Protein backbone atom coordinates (compact mmCIF):
# COMPACT_ATOMS: atom_id res chain seq x y z
CA SER A 1 -17.23 218.91 -111.79
CA SER A 2 -13.58 220.13 -113.50
CA GLU A 3 -14.87 223.35 -114.89
CA THR A 4 -13.78 226.45 -113.00
CA HIS A 5 -14.97 230.06 -112.50
CA SER A 6 -13.65 232.75 -110.32
CA LEU A 7 -15.45 234.29 -107.30
CA PRO A 8 -17.52 237.50 -107.70
CA HIS A 9 -14.96 240.44 -106.31
CA ASP A 10 -16.45 240.69 -102.81
CA MET A 11 -15.92 236.98 -102.17
CA ARG A 12 -12.07 237.39 -102.92
CA ILE A 13 -11.15 239.38 -100.11
CA GLY A 14 -8.04 238.24 -98.79
CA LEU A 15 -7.47 235.53 -101.15
CA THR A 16 -4.55 234.76 -103.27
CA ALA A 17 -4.97 233.58 -106.98
CA LYS A 18 -3.91 229.99 -105.63
CA LYS A 19 -6.21 230.03 -102.71
CA GLU A 20 -9.00 231.25 -104.65
CA HIS A 21 -8.41 228.33 -107.44
CA GLU A 22 -8.30 225.67 -104.39
CA VAL A 23 -11.27 227.36 -102.99
CA VAL A 24 -13.81 227.48 -106.44
CA ARG A 25 -12.35 224.06 -107.13
CA LEU A 26 -13.32 222.13 -103.55
CA SER A 27 -16.36 224.55 -103.18
CA THR A 28 -18.12 223.50 -106.60
CA ALA A 29 -17.03 220.36 -105.84
CA VAL A 30 -18.91 220.24 -102.57
CA ALA A 31 -21.77 221.93 -103.75
CA ASP A 32 -22.46 219.59 -106.46
CA LEU A 33 -22.12 216.50 -104.18
CA ALA A 34 -24.79 218.31 -101.72
CA GLU A 35 -27.02 218.87 -104.47
CA ARG A 36 -27.23 215.30 -105.75
CA VAL A 37 -27.44 213.91 -102.19
CA ASN A 38 -30.22 216.39 -101.26
CA SER A 39 -28.42 218.55 -98.58
CA LYS A 40 -28.19 222.02 -97.75
CA LYS A 41 -26.04 221.17 -94.45
CA VAL A 42 -22.03 221.05 -94.61
CA VAL A 43 -19.68 220.52 -92.14
CA ASP A 44 -16.18 221.98 -92.48
CA ILE A 45 -13.49 219.96 -90.41
CA GLY A 46 -10.58 222.04 -90.09
CA SER A 47 -12.28 224.99 -91.29
CA GLY A 48 -9.12 227.52 -90.59
CA LYS A 49 -9.95 230.98 -91.82
CA GLY A 50 -13.29 230.04 -92.87
CA TYR A 51 -12.70 230.75 -97.17
CA LEU A 52 -14.46 227.61 -97.87
CA GLY A 53 -17.21 227.73 -95.50
CA GLN A 54 -17.98 231.58 -96.65
CA VAL A 55 -18.02 230.40 -100.51
CA LEU A 56 -20.30 227.41 -99.62
CA ALA A 57 -22.57 229.49 -97.42
CA LEU A 58 -22.48 232.91 -99.35
CA HIS A 59 -22.01 231.92 -102.84
CA HIS A 60 -23.97 228.42 -102.85
CA GLY A 61 -26.24 228.90 -100.39
CA LEU A 62 -25.32 225.95 -98.41
CA ASP A 63 -25.81 226.06 -94.33
CA VAL A 64 -22.10 225.29 -93.10
CA VAL A 65 -20.59 224.48 -89.64
CA GLY A 66 -16.90 225.10 -89.46
CA LEU A 67 -15.09 223.55 -86.93
CA GLU A 68 -11.59 224.69 -86.15
CA ALA A 69 -8.88 224.04 -83.17
CA GLN A 70 -7.56 227.67 -83.22
CA SER A 71 -9.71 230.37 -81.99
CA LEU A 72 -7.86 232.80 -83.84
CA HIS A 73 -8.78 231.38 -87.16
CA ASN A 74 -12.60 231.50 -85.92
CA ALA A 75 -12.22 234.80 -84.97
CA SER A 76 -10.56 236.03 -88.29
CA SER A 77 -13.08 233.99 -90.01
CA GLN A 78 -15.98 235.70 -88.46
CA MET A 79 -14.76 239.29 -89.29
CA ARG A 80 -13.99 238.46 -92.85
CA THR A 81 -17.81 236.88 -93.10
CA GLU A 82 -19.19 240.35 -91.87
CA ARG A 83 -17.06 242.26 -93.98
CA VAL A 84 -18.37 240.13 -97.03
CA ARG A 85 -22.01 240.01 -96.22
CA ALA A 86 -21.65 244.02 -95.52
CA LEU A 87 -20.83 244.48 -99.25
CA LYS A 88 -24.61 242.62 -99.88
CA ARG A 89 -23.18 240.95 -103.05
CA SER A 90 -23.16 237.73 -102.07
CA ARG A 91 -26.17 235.65 -103.82
CA GLY A 92 -25.98 232.72 -101.49
CA LYS A 93 -28.87 232.64 -98.36
CA GLY A 94 -26.56 230.15 -96.28
CA THR A 95 -25.82 230.44 -92.81
CA ILE A 96 -22.01 229.88 -91.34
CA THR A 97 -21.31 228.71 -87.81
CA SER A 98 -17.75 228.64 -86.64
CA LEU A 99 -17.05 226.56 -83.73
CA THR A 100 -13.79 226.13 -81.85
CA TYR A 101 -12.72 222.47 -80.66
CA GLU A 102 -10.17 221.89 -78.36
């Protein structure tokens, strides 16, 4: 879908406008594809700080496994996920699992 939307305020924590734009576009495309193939599970390879996975899980309700080589990124991702979940405004009931691979 080429249609873009902004994220709810709680999902924008720590995102620049450019990163938000990228995450919105990609998460919409991934969520649309997951729906077409009737899947609730997504693997995010090279998940970085987890922005995409968090939006897929907490906004679109998908179950996400994020694979990242840098443990520092996974730690940052887990802290951000906890902050966003604490706001209790996210509508998705998906899960996020962050794994470090070396």
